[in-house]
PDB file of N, CA and C in Angstrom:
ATOM      1  N   MET A   1       1.007   6.538  -3.573  1.00  0.00           N
ATOM      2  CA  MET A   1       1.738   5.940  -3.485  1.00  0.00           C
ATOM      3  C   MET A   1       1.616   4.914  -4.782  1.00  0.00           C
ATOM      4  N   GLU A   2       2.031   4.791  -5.954  1.00  0.00           N
ATOM      5  CA  GLU A   2       1.666   4.208  -6.829  1.00  0.00           C
ATOM      6  C   GLU A   2       2.779   3.238  -7.576  1.00  0.00           C
ATOM      7  N   LEU A   3       2.354   2.012  -8.180  1.00  0.00           N
ATOM      8  CA  LEU A   3       3.043   1.077  -9.073  1.00  0.00           C
ATOM      9  C   LEU A   3       4.636   1.716  -9.745  1.00  0.00           C
ATOM     10  N   THR A   4       3.524   2.624 -10.656  1.00  0.00           N
ATOM     11  CA  THR A   4       4.428   3.457 -11.637  1.00  0.00           C
ATOM     12  C   THR A   4       5.711   4.498 -10.590  1.00  0.00           C
ATOM     13  N   ASP A   5       5.826   4.895  -9.254  1.00  0.00           N
ATOM     14  CA  ASP A   5       6.715   5.459  -8.325  1.00  0.00           C
ATOM     15  C   ASP A   5       8.010   4.645  -8.134  1.00  0.00           C
ATOM     16  N   LEU A   6       7.718   3.580  -7.997  1.00  0.00           N
ATOM     17  CA  LEU A   6       8.125   2.392  -7.832  1.00  0.00           C
ATOM     18  C   LEU A   6       9.966   2.063  -8.585  1.00  0.00           C
ATOM     19  N   PRO A   7      11.171   2.037  -8.148  1.00  0.00           N
ATOM     20  CA  PRO A   7      12.023   1.457  -9.425  1.00  0.00           C
ATOM     21  C   PRO A   7      11.673   0.341 -10.620  1.00  0.00           C
ATOM     22  N   PRO A   8      11.454   0.663 -11.557  1.00  0.00           N
ATOM     23  CA  PRO A   8      11.142  -0.512 -12.664  1.00  0.00           C
ATOM     24  C   PRO A   8      12.574  -1.495 -12.531  1.00  0.00           C
ATOM     25  N   ASP A   9      13.250  -1.387 -12.100  1.00  0.00           N
ATOM     26  CA  ASP A   9      14.701  -2.147 -12.206  1.00  0.00           C
ATOM     27  C   ASP A   9      14.541  -3.330 -10.941  1.00  0.00           C
ATOM     28  N   LYS A  10      13.664  -2.842  -9.920  1.00  0.00           N
ATOM     29  CA  LYS A  10      13.934  -3.451  -8.623  1.00  0.00           C
ATOM     30  C   LYS A  10      12.726  -4.356  -8.467  1.00  0.00           C
ATOM     31  N   LEU A  11      13.018  -6.168  -8.140  1.00  0.00           N
ATOM     32  CA  LEU A  11      11.917  -6.612  -8.111  1.00  0.00           C
ATOM     33  C   LEU A  11      10.867  -6.988  -6.631  1.00  0.00           C
ATOM     34  N   TYR A  12      12.092  -6.743  -5.970  1.00  0.00           N
ATOM     35  CA  TYR A  12      11.381  -7.044  -4.619  1.00  0.00           C
ATOM     36  C   TYR A  12      12.000  -5.865  -3.698  1.00  0.00           C
ATOM     37  N   PHE A  13      10.858  -5.506  -2.763  1.00  0.00           N
ATOM     38  CA  PHE A  13      11.748  -4.771  -1.113  1.00  0.00           C
ATOM     39  C   PHE A  13      11.557  -5.371   0.207  1.00  0.00           C
ATOM     40  N   SER A  14      12.004  -4.845   0.988  1.00  0.00           N
ATOM     41  CA  SER A  14      12.583  -5.176   2.148  1.00  0.00           C
ATOM     42  C   SER A  14      11.072  -4.636   3.225  1.00  0.00           C
ATOM     43  N   ILE A  15      10.680  -5.475   4.493  1.00  0.00           N
ATOM     44  CA  ILE A  15       9.693  -4.838   5.028  1.00  0.00           C
ATOM     45  C   ILE A  15      10.015  -3.651   5.727  1.00  0.00           C
ATOM     46  N   GLY A  16      11.076  -2.926   5.737  1.00  0.00           N
ATOM     47  CA  GLY A  16      11.328  -1.616   6.373  1.00  0.00           C
ATOM     48  C   GLY A  16      11.164  -0.487   4.972  1.00  0.00           C
ATOM     49  N   GLU A  17      11.298  -0.929   3.898  1.00  0.00           N
ATOM     50  CA  GLU A  17      11.516  -0.428   3.056  1.00  0.00           C
ATOM     51  C   GLU A  17       9.933  -0.135   2.625  1.00  0.00           C
ATOM     52  N   VAL A  18       9.013  -1.139   2.588  1.00  0.00           N
ATOM     53  CA  VAL A  18       7.464  -0.791   2.018  1.00  0.00           C
ATOM     54  C   VAL A  18       6.771  -0.481   3.299  1.00  0.00           C
ATOM     55  N   ALA A  19       7.187   0.051   4.951  1.00  0.00           N
ATOM     56  CA  ALA A  19       6.894   0.431   5.991  1.00  0.00           C
ATOM     57  C   ALA A  19       7.189   2.121   5.495  1.00  0.00           C
ATOM     58  N   ASP A  20       8.280   2.469   5.109  1.00  0.00           N
ATOM     59  CA  ASP A  20       8.581   3.478   4.648  1.00  0.00           C
ATOM     60  C   ASP A  20       7.466   4.392   3.911  1.00  0.00           C
ATOM     61  N   MET A  21       7.170   3.501   2.823  1.00  0.00           N
ATOM     62  CA  MET A  21       6.602   3.986   1.774  1.00  0.00           C
ATOM     63  C   MET A  21       5.621   4.561   2.377  1.00  0.00           C
ATOM     64  N   PHE A  22       4.867   3.782   3.412  1.00  0.00           N
ATOM     65  CA  PHE A  22       3.719   4.008   3.777  1.00  0.00           C
ATOM     66  C   PHE A  22       3.461   5.257   4.804  1.00  0.00           C
ATOM     67  N   GLY A  23       4.364   4.873   5.754  1.00  0.00           N
ATOM     68  CA  GLY A  23       4.845   5.560   6.711  1.00  0.00           C
ATOM     69  C   GLY A  23       3.922   4.958   7.692  1.00  0.00           C
ATOM     70  N   ILE A  24       4.422   3.481   7.522  1.00  0.00           N
ATOM     71  CA  ILE A  24       3.794   2.920   8.777  1.00  0.00           C
ATOM     72  C   ILE A  24       4.490   1.931   9.801  1.00  0.00           C
ATOM     73  N   ASN A  25       4.402   1.568  10.668  1.00  0.00           N
ATOM     74  CA  ASN A  25       5.287   0.260  10.720  1.00  0.00           C
ATOM     75  C   ASN A  25       5.691  -0.931  10.379  1.00  0.00           C
ATOM     76  N   THR A  26       6.610  -1.541  10.325  1.00  0.00           N
ATOM     77  CA  THR A  26       6.630  -2.783  10.411  1.00  0.00           C
ATOM     78  C   THR A  26       5.247  -3.757  11.087  1.00  0.00           C
ATOM     79  N   SER A  27       5.242  -3.499  12.180  1.00  0.00           N
ATOM     80  CA  SER A  27       4.830  -4.596  12.832  1.00  0.00           C
ATOM     81  C   SER A  27       2.975  -4.484  12.255  1.00  0.00           C
ATOM     82  N   ASN A  28       3.091  -3.254  11.664  1.00  0.00           N
ATOM     83  CA  ASN A  28       1.426  -3.264  11.089  1.00  0.00           C
ATOM     84  C   ASN A  28       1.552  -4.434   9.771  1.00  0.00           C
ATOM     85  N   LEU A  29       2.619  -4.009   8.929  1.00  0.00           N
ATOM     86  CA  LEU A  29       2.683  -4.777   7.877  1.00  0.00           C
ATOM     87  C   LEU A  29       2.772  -6.384   8.365  1.00  0.00           C
ATOM     88  N   ARG A  30       3.086  -6.960   9.444  1.00  0.00           N
ATOM     89  CA  ARG A  30       3.055  -8.135   9.733  1.00  0.00           C
ATOM     90  C   ARG A  30       1.814  -8.666   9.813  1.00  0.00           C
ATOM     91  N   TYR A  31       1.413  -7.791  10.766  1.00  0.00           N
ATOM     92  CA  TYR A  31      -0.237  -7.936  11.334  1.00  0.00           C
ATOM     93  C   TYR A  31      -1.319  -7.942   9.917  1.00  0.00           C
ATOM     94  N   TRP A  32      -0.710  -6.984   8.743  1.00  0.00           N
ATOM     95  CA  TRP A  32      -2.065  -7.031   8.106  1.00  0.00           C
ATOM     96  C   TRP A  32      -1.518  -8.362   7.174  1.00  0.00           C
ATOM     97  N   GLU A  33      -0.437  -8.944   6.836  1.00  0.00           N
ATOM     98  CA  GLU A  33      -0.094 -10.304   6.506  1.00  0.00           C
ATOM     99  C   GLU A  33      -0.936 -11.356   7.120  1.00  0.00           C
ATOM    100  N   LYS A  34      -0.519 -11.492   8.646  1.00  0.00           N
ATOM    101  CA  LYS A  34      -1.655 -12.698   9.069  1.00  0.00           C
ATOM    102  C   LYS A  34      -2.983 -12.144   8.870  1.00  0.00           C
ATOM    103  N   GLU A  35      -3.302 -11.278   9.147  1.00  0.00           N
ATOM    104  CA  GLU A  35      -5.284 -11.155   8.961  1.00  0.00           C
ATOM    105  C   GLU A  35      -5.466 -10.991   7.368  1.00  0.00           C
ATOM    106  N   PHE A  36      -4.722 -10.782   6.448  1.00  0.00           N
ATOM    107  CA  PHE A  36      -5.488 -10.579   5.191  1.00  0.00           C
ATOM    108  C   PHE A  36      -4.630 -11.816   4.033  1.00  0.00           C
ATOM    109  N   ASP A  37      -5.236 -12.205   3.312  1.00  0.00           N
ATOM    110  CA  ASP A  37      -4.256 -13.425   2.556  1.00  0.00           C
ATOM    111  C   ASP A  37      -3.929 -12.739   1.111  1.00  0.00           C
ATOM    112  N   ILE A  38      -4.325 -11.531   0.709  1.00  0.00           N
ATOM    113  CA  ILE A  38      -3.718 -10.889  -0.413  1.00  0.00           C
ATOM    114  C   ILE A  38      -2.249 -10.111  -0.101  1.00  0.00           C
ATOM    115  N   ILE A  39      -1.590 -10.534   0.993  1.00  0.00           N
ATOM    116  CA  ILE A  39      -0.421  -9.986   1.205  1.00  0.00           C
ATOM    117  C   ILE A  39       0.038 -11.187   1.647  1.00  0.00           C
ATOM    118  N   ASN A  40       1.215 -11.624   0.516  1.00  0.00           N
ATOM    119  CA  ASN A  40       2.036 -12.794   0.708  1.00  0.00           C
ATOM    120  C   ASN A  40       3.441 -12.792   0.787  1.00  0.00           C
ATOM    121  N   PRO A  41       4.024 -11.921   1.133  1.00  0.00           N
ATOM    122  CA  PRO A  41       5.946 -11.484   0.643  1.00  0.00           C
ATOM    123  C   PRO A  41       6.234 -12.869   0.942  1.00  0.00           C
ATOM    124  N   ARG A  42       7.781 -12.939  -0.298  1.00  0.00           N
ATOM    125  CA  ARG A  42       8.414 -14.389   0.000  1.00  0.00           C
ATOM    126  C   ARG A  42       9.676 -13.872   1.105  1.00  0.00           C
ATOM    127  N   LYS A  43      10.185 -14.704   1.544  1.00  0.00           N
ATOM    128  CA  LYS A  43      11.196 -15.087   2.521  1.00  0.00           C
ATOM    129  C   LYS A  43      12.158 -15.334   2.170  1.00  0.00           C
ATOM    130  N   ASN A  44      13.141 -14.748   2.297  1.00  0.00           N
ATOM    131  CA  ASN A  44      14.699 -15.406   2.004  1.00  0.00           C
ATOM    132  C   ASN A  44      15.032 -16.217   2.738  1.00  0.00           C
ATOM    133  N   ARG A  45      16.085 -16.943   2.882  1.00  0.00           N
ATOM    134  CA  ARG A  45      16.853 -18.181   3.835  1.00  0.00           C
ATOM    135  C   ARG A  45      16.986 -17.727   4.910  1.00  0.00           C
ATOM    136  N   LYS A  46      16.698 -16.048   5.577  1.00  0.00           N
ATOM    137  CA  LYS A  46      17.074 -15.558   5.947  1.00  0.00           C
ATOM    138  C   LYS A  46      15.945 -15.645   7.374  1.00  0.00           C
ATOM    139  N   GLY A  47      14.725 -15.734   6.450  1.00  0.00           N
ATOM    140  CA  GLY A  47      13.513 -14.990   6.860  1.00  0.00           C
ATOM    141  C   GLY A  47      12.974 -14.061   6.732  1.00  0.00           C
ATOM    142  N   ASN A  48      13.786 -12.645   5.848  1.00  0.00           N
ATOM    143  CA  ASN A  48      13.338 -11.761   5.441  1.00  0.00           C
ATOM    144  C   ASN A  48      12.086 -11.613   4.870  1.00  0.00           C
ATOM    145  N   ARG A  49      11.623 -10.804   4.783  1.00  0.00           N
ATOM    146  CA  ARG A  49      10.141 -10.925   4.044  1.00  0.00           C
ATOM    147  C   ARG A  49      10.943 -10.012   2.543  1.00  0.00           C
ATOM    148  N   MET A  50      10.530 -10.185   1.960  1.00  0.00           N
ATOM    149  CA  MET A  50      10.791  -9.425   0.131  1.00  0.00           C
ATOM    150  C   MET A  50       9.174  -9.265  -0.170  1.00  0.00           C
ATOM    151  N   TYR A  51       8.825  -7.926  -0.597  1.00  0.00           N
ATOM    152  CA  TYR A  51       7.409  -7.940  -0.990  1.00  0.00           C
ATOM    153  C   TYR A  51       7.562  -7.434  -2.109  1.00  0.00           C
ATOM    154  N   SER A  52       7.239  -7.661  -3.096  1.00  0.00           N
ATOM    155  CA  SER A  52       6.568  -7.510  -5.030  1.00  0.00           C
ATOM    156  C   SER A  52       6.065  -6.614  -4.886  1.00  0.00           C
ATOM    157  N   LYS A  53       5.803  -5.736  -6.316  1.00  0.00           N
ATOM    158  CA  LYS A  53       5.112  -5.125  -6.432  1.00  0.00           C
ATOM    159  C   LYS A  53       3.593  -5.352  -6.430  1.00  0.00           C
ATOM    160  N   GLN A  54       3.059  -6.672  -6.516  1.00  0.00           N
ATOM    161  CA  GLN A  54       1.938  -7.252  -6.335  1.00  0.00           C
ATOM    162  C   GLN A  54       1.488  -6.817  -4.701  1.00  0.00           C
ATOM    163  N   ASP A  55       2.600  -7.774  -4.383  1.00  0.00           N
ATOM    164  CA  ASP A  55       2.486  -7.361  -2.558  1.00  0.00           C
ATOM    165  C   ASP A  55       2.249  -5.864  -2.502  1.00  0.00           C
ATOM    166  N   ILE A  56       3.157  -4.991  -2.770  1.00  0.00           N
ATOM    167  CA  ILE A  56       2.772  -3.519  -2.347  1.00  0.00           C
ATOM    168  C   ILE A  56       1.492  -3.182  -3.089  1.00  0.00           C
ATOM    169  N   GLU A  57       0.938  -3.494  -3.677  1.00  0.00           N
ATOM    170  CA  GLU A  57      -0.581  -3.203  -4.468  1.00  0.00           C
ATOM    171  C   GLU A  57      -1.203  -3.297  -3.611  1.00  0.00           C
ATOM    172  N   SER A  58      -1.336  -4.658  -3.169  1.00  0.00           N
ATOM    173  CA  SER A  58      -2.162  -5.210  -1.923  1.00  0.00           C
ATOM    174  C   SER A  58      -1.809  -4.250  -0.746  1.00  0.00           C
ATOM    175  N   VAL A  59      -0.559  -4.076  -0.043  1.00  0.00           N
ATOM    176  CA  VAL A  59      -0.386  -3.100   1.024  1.00  0.00           C
ATOM    177  C   VAL A  59      -1.627  -1.988   0.990  1.00  0.00           C
ATOM    178  N   ARG A  60      -1.267  -1.083  -0.250  1.00  0.00           N
ATOM    179  CA  ARG A  60      -1.729   0.426  -1.070  1.00  0.00           C
ATOM    180  C   ARG A  60      -3.219   0.105  -0.740  1.00  0.00           C
ATOM    181  N   LEU A  61      -3.920  -0.865  -1.217  1.00  0.00           N
ATOM    182  CA  LEU A  61      -5.271  -1.358  -0.857  1.00  0.00           C
ATOM    183  C   LEU A  61      -5.637  -1.057   0.813  1.00  0.00           C
ATOM    184  N   LEU A  62      -4.563  -2.051   1.007  1.00  0.00           N
ATOM    185  CA  LEU A  62      -5.260  -2.122   2.714  1.00  0.00           C
ATOM    186  C   LEU A  62      -5.109  -0.826   3.585  1.00  0.00           C
ATOM    187  N   TYR A  63      -4.229   0.083   3.151  1.00  0.00           N
ATOM    188  CA  TYR A  63      -3.879   1.331   3.450  1.00  0.00           C
ATOM    189  C   TYR A  63      -4.596   2.222   3.497  1.00  0.00           C
ATOM    190  N   HIS A  64      -5.335   1.984   2.119  1.00  0.00           N
ATOM    191  CA  HIS A  64      -6.468   3.219   2.353  1.00  0.00           C
ATOM    192  C   HIS A  64      -7.873   2.592   2.596  1.00  0.00           C
ATOM    193  N   LEU A  65      -8.123   1.557   2.603  1.00  0.00           N
ATOM    194  CA  LEU A  65      -9.163   1.208   3.326  1.00  0.00           C
ATOM    195  C   LEU A  65      -9.017   1.363   4.908  1.00  0.00           C
ATOM    196  N   THR A  66      -8.007   1.099   5.437  1.00  0.00           N
ATOM    197  CA  THR A  66      -7.920   1.346   7.085  1.00  0.00           C
ATOM    198  C   THR A  66      -7.343   2.847   7.530  1.00  0.00           C
ATOM    199  N   LYS A  67      -6.639   2.927   6.966  1.00  0.00           N
ATOM    200  CA  LYS A  67      -6.144   4.323   7.453  1.00  0.00           C
ATOM    201  C   LYS A  67      -6.887   5.723   6.795  1.00  0.00           C
ATOM    202  N   GLU A  68      -7.329   5.979   5.643  1.00  0.00           N
ATOM    203  CA  GLU A  68      -7.590   6.759   4.849  1.00  0.00           C
ATOM    204  C   GLU A  68      -9.249   6.689   5.142  1.00  0.00           C
ATOM    205  N   LYS A  69      -9.819   5.455   4.923  1.00  0.00           N
ATOM    206  CA  LYS A  69     -11.347   5.652   4.549  1.00  0.00           C
ATOM    207  C   LYS A  69     -11.702   5.258   6.240  1.00  0.00           C
ATOM    208  N   GLY A  70     -10.938   4.705   7.098  1.00  0.00           N
ATOM    209  CA  GLY A  70     -11.300   4.159   8.500  1.00  0.00           C
ATOM    210  C   GLY A  70     -11.789   3.215   9.209  1.00  0.00           C
ATOM    211  N   TYR A  71     -11.814   2.181   7.702  1.00  0.00           N
ATOM    212  CA  TYR A  71     -12.179   0.805   8.065  1.00  0.00           C
ATOM    213  C   TYR A  71     -11.346  -0.025   9.504  1.00  0.00           C
ATOM    214  N   THR A  72     -11.966  -0.899  10.276  1.00  0.00           N
ATOM    215  CA  THR A  72     -11.505  -1.795  10.891  1.00  0.00           C
ATOM    216  C   THR A  72     -11.563  -2.931  10.055  1.00  0.00           C
ATOM    217  N   ILE A  73     -10.194  -3.796  10.598  1.00  0.00           N
ATOM    218  CA  ILE A  73      -9.682  -4.673   9.564  1.00  0.00           C
ATOM    219  C   ILE A  73     -11.457  -5.554   9.485  1.00  0.00           C
ATOM    220  N   ASP A  74     -11.942  -5.965  10.230  1.00  0.00           N
ATOM    221  CA  ASP A  74     -13.214  -6.623   9.740  1.00  0.00           C
ATOM    222  C   ASP A  74     -14.099  -6.183   8.610  1.00  0.00           C
ATOM    223  N   GLY A  75     -14.231  -4.692   8.677  1.00  0.00           N
ATOM    224  CA  GLY A  75     -14.645  -3.931   7.646  1.00  0.00           C
ATOM    225  C   GLY A  75     -13.816  -3.560   6.161  1.00  0.00           C
ATOM    226  N   ALA A  76     -12.623  -3.718   6.395  1.00  0.00           N
ATOM    227  CA  ALA A  76     -11.851  -3.836   5.075  1.00  0.00           C
ATOM    228  C   ALA A  76     -11.919  -5.621   4.375  1.00  0.00           C
ATOM    229  N   ARG A  77     -11.830  -6.230   5.447  1.00  0.00           N
ATOM    230  CA  ARG A  77     -12.406  -7.562   4.977  1.00  0.00           C
ATOM    231  C   ARG A  77     -13.643  -7.963   4.298  1.00  0.00           C
ATOM    232  N   ASN A  78     -14.729  -7.046   4.666  1.00  0.00           N
ATOM    233  CA  ASN A  78     -15.883  -7.143   4.035  1.00  0.00           C
ATOM    234  C   ASN A  78     -15.728  -6.586   2.846  1.00  0.00           C
ATOM    235  N   VAL A  79     -15.579  -5.541   2.661  1.00  0.00           N
ATOM    236  CA  VAL A  79     -14.953  -4.350   1.797  1.00  0.00           C
ATOM    237  C   VAL A  79     -14.499  -5.523   0.270  1.00  0.00           C
ATOM    238  N   LEU A  80     -13.295  -6.261   0.658  1.00  0.00           N
ATOM    239  CA  LEU A  80     -12.508  -6.791  -0.120  1.00  0.00           C
ATOM    240  C   LEU A  80     -13.185  -8.089  -0.682  1.00  0.00           C
ATOM    241  N   GLU A  81     -13.951  -8.410  -0.088  1.00  0.00           N
ATOM    242  CA  GLU A  81     -14.999  -9.836  -0.559  1.00  0.00           C
ATOM    243  C   GLU A  81     -16.205  -9.394  -1.073  1.00  0.00           C
ATOM    244  N   SER A  82     -16.793  -8.377  -0.735  1.00  0.00           N
ATOM    245  CA  SER A  82     -17.960  -7.318  -1.301  1.00  0.00           C
ATOM    246  C   SER A  82     -17.965  -6.619  -2.233  1.00  0.00           C
ATOM    247  N   ARG A  83     -16.798  -5.659  -2.564  1.00  0.00           N
ATOM    248  CA  ARG A  83     -16.732  -4.554  -3.756  1.00  0.00           C
ATOM    249  C   ARG A  83     -15.005  -4.250  -3.900  1.00  0.00           C
ATOM    250  N   ARG A  84     -14.421  -5.434  -3.833  1.00  0.00           N
ATOM    251  CA  ARG A  84     -13.096  -5.036  -4.076  1.00  0.00           C
ATOM    252  C   ARG A  84     -12.775  -4.533  -5.304  1.00  0.00           C
ATOM    253  N   SER A  85     -13.642  -4.680  -6.237  1.00  0.00           N
ATOM    254  CA  SER A  85     -13.035  -3.740  -7.547  1.00  0.00           C
ATOM    255  C   SER A  85     -13.105  -1.993  -7.382  1.00  0.00           C
ATOM    256  N   GLU A  86     -14.411  -2.094  -6.846  1.00  0.00           N
ATOM    257  CA  GLU A  86     -15.073  -0.749  -6.003  1.00  0.00           C
ATOM    258  C   GLU A  86     -13.820  -0.104  -5.435  1.00  0.00           C
ATOM    259  N   ALA A  87     -13.256  -0.827  -4.269  1.00  0.00           N
ATOM    260  CA  ALA A  87     -12.263  -0.086  -3.240  1.00  0.00           C
ATOM    261  C   ALA A  87     -10.993   0.074  -3.834  1.00  0.00           C
ATOM    262  N   GLU A  88     -10.873  -0.855  -4.953  1.00  0.00           N
ATOM    263  CA  GLU A  88      -9.477  -0.596  -5.842  1.00  0.00           C
ATOM    264  C   GLU A  88      -9.562   0.760  -6.790  1.00  0.00           C
ATOM    265  N   LYS A  89     -10.506   0.885  -7.256  1.00  0.00           N
ATOM    266  CA  LYS A  89     -10.611   2.086  -8.206  1.00  0.00           C
ATOM    267  C   LYS A  89     -10.319   3.444  -7.466  1.00  0.00           C
ATOM    268  N   THR A  90     -11.361   3.343  -6.093  1.00  0.00           N
ATOM    269  CA  THR A  90     -11.494   4.328  -4.986  1.00  0.00           C
ATOM    270  C   THR A  90      -9.868   4.767  -4.701  1.00  0.00           C
ATOM    271  N   ALA A  91      -9.673   3.586  -4.318  1.00  0.00           N
ATOM    272  CA  ALA A  91      -7.432   3.414  -4.013  1.00  0.00           C
ATOM    273  C   ALA A  91      -6.514   4.357  -4.635  1.00  0.00           C
ATOM    274  N   ASP A  92      -7.425   3.701  -6.358  1.00  0.00           N
ATOM    275  CA  ASP A  92      -6.196   4.703  -7.364  1.00  0.00           C
ATOM    276  C   ASP A  92      -6.893   6.303  -7.810  1.00  0.00           C
ATOM    277  N   VAL A  93      -7.789   6.538  -7.653  1.00  0.00           N
ATOM    278  CA  VAL A  93      -8.082   8.081  -7.381  1.00  0.00           C
ATOM    279  C   VAL A  93      -7.846   8.922  -6.279  1.00  0.00           C
ATOM    280  N   SER A  94      -7.746   8.068  -5.366  1.00  0.00           N
ATOM    281  CA  SER A  94      -7.089   8.632  -3.866  1.00  0.00           C
ATOM    282  C   SER A  94      -5.793   9.184  -4.221  1.00  0.00           C
ATOM    283  N   ALA A  95      -5.023   7.908  -4.783  1.00  0.00           N
ATOM    284  CA  ALA A  95      -3.391   8.109  -4.896  1.00  0.00           C
ATOM    285  C   ALA A  95      -3.518   9.423  -6.013  1.00  0.00           C
ATOM    286  N   ARG A  96      -3.827   9.021  -7.026  1.00  0.00           N
ATOM    287  CA  ARG A  96      -4.072  10.212  -7.981  1.00  0.00           C
ATOM    288  C   ARG A  96      -3.902  11.673  -7.348  1.00  0.00           C
ATOM    289  N   LEU A  97      -5.456  11.996  -6.951  1.00  0.00           N
ATOM    290  CA  LEU A  97      -5.092  12.977  -6.082  1.00  0.00           C
ATOM    291  C   LEU A  97      -3.996  13.591  -5.282  1.00  0.00           C
ATOM    292  N   ARG A  98      -3.744  12.740  -4.460  1.00  0.00           N
ATOM    293  CA  ARG A  98      -2.766  13.216  -3.523  1.00  0.00           C
ATOM    294  C   ARG A  98      -1.469  13.651  -4.599  1.00  0.00           C
ATOM    295  N   ARG A  99      -1.554  12.785  -6.023  1.00  0.00           N
ATOM    296  CA  ARG A  99      -0.118  12.997  -6.317  1.00  0.00           C
ATOM    297  C   ARG A  99       0.021  14.357  -6.951  1.00  0.00           C
ATOM    298  N   ILE A 100      -1.821  14.554  -7.811  1.00  0.00           N
ATOM    299  CA  ILE A 100      -1.903  16.290  -8.092  1.00  0.00           C
ATOM    300  C   ILE A 100      -1.767  17.018  -6.707  1.00  0.00           C
ATOM    301  N   ARG A 101      -2.411  16.888  -5.467  1.00  0.00           N
ATOM    302  CA  ARG A 101      -1.893  17.824  -4.575  1.00  0.00           C
ATOM    303  C   ARG A 101      -0.748  18.389  -4.349  1.00  0.00           C
ATOM    304  N   ALA A 102       0.478  17.525  -4.452  1.00  0.00           N
ATOM    305  CA  ALA A 102       1.582  17.585  -4.366  1.00  0.00           C
ATOM    306  C   ALA A 102       2.482  18.270  -5.249  1.00  0.00           C
ATOM    307  N   GLU A 103       1.963  17.619  -6.521  1.00  0.00           N
ATOM    308  CA  GLU A 103       2.744  18.952  -7.450  1.00  0.00           C
ATOM    309  C   GLU A 103       2.406  20.513  -7.627  1.00  0.00           C
ATOM    310  N   LEU A 104       0.630  20.544  -7.293  1.00  0.00           N
ATOM    311  CA  LEU A 104       0.610  21.576  -7.049  1.00  0.00           C
ATOM    312  C   LEU A 104       1.092  22.580  -5.648  1.00  0.00           C
ATOM    313  N   ILE A 105       1.121  21.816  -4.393  1.00  0.00           N
ATOM    314  CA  ILE A 105       2.351  22.636  -3.656  1.00  0.00           C
ATOM    315  C   ILE A 105       3.298  22.834  -4.191  1.00  0.00           C
ATOM    316  N   GLU A 106       4.093  21.957  -4.417  1.00  0.00           N
ATOM    317  CA  GLU A 106       5.302  21.909  -5.260  1.00  0.00           C
ATOM    318  C   GLU A 106       5.369  23.434  -6.086  1.00  0.00           C
ATOM    319  N   LEU A 107       4.071  23.513  -7.124  1.00  0.00           N
ATOM    320  CA  LEU A 107       4.614  24.743  -7.838  1.00  0.00           C
ATOM    321  C   LEU A 107       4.030  25.802  -6.860  1.00  0.00           C
ATOM    322  N   ARG A 108       2.719  25.790  -6.160  1.00  0.00           N
ATOM    323  CA  ARG A 108       3.234  26.936  -5.725  1.00  0.00           C
ATOM    324  C   ARG A 108       4.127  27.452  -4.879  1.00  0.00           C
ATOM    325  N   SER A 109       5.130  26.534  -4.063  1.00  0.00           N
ATOM    326  CA  SER A 109       6.055  27.370  -3.603  1.00  0.00           C
ATOM    327  C   SER A 109       6.890  27.684  -4.418  1.00  0.00           C
ATOM    328  N   ARG A 110       7.101  27.641  -5.781  1.00  0.00           N
ATOM    329  CA  ARG A 110       7.877  28.022  -6.591  1.00  0.00           C
ATOM    330  C   ARG A 110       7.552  29.385  -7.176  1.00  0.00           C
ATOM    331  N   LEU A 111       6.319  29.418  -6.729  1.00  0.00           N
ATOM    332  CA  LEU A 111       5.868  30.798  -7.493  1.00  0.00           C
ATOM    333  C   LEU A 111       6.196  32.311  -6.270  1.00  0.00           C
TER     334      LEU A 111
END
């Protein structure tokens, strides 16, 4: 998931939409929100969370660290404190490789 994959005209996304983007539970997003200050969705009058594109980028980074790289919450927190730019670059490369892989699989199925 990259920001370029999101609809350009949509500013906010519900917690369910974000959870679906990453294949995780909404409870996982709420937990990450409590544990990491880099995710700070707005809440509407009803209290529903509305995630901005920046919030989604932060979720993508946490997803990469915890789900793909296997870091614990404390480990991910340490990486963000000490090597955040490196982690962001690695997450970007990983997302691009997944996209290329999906395109190659699609091409292969057409042959």
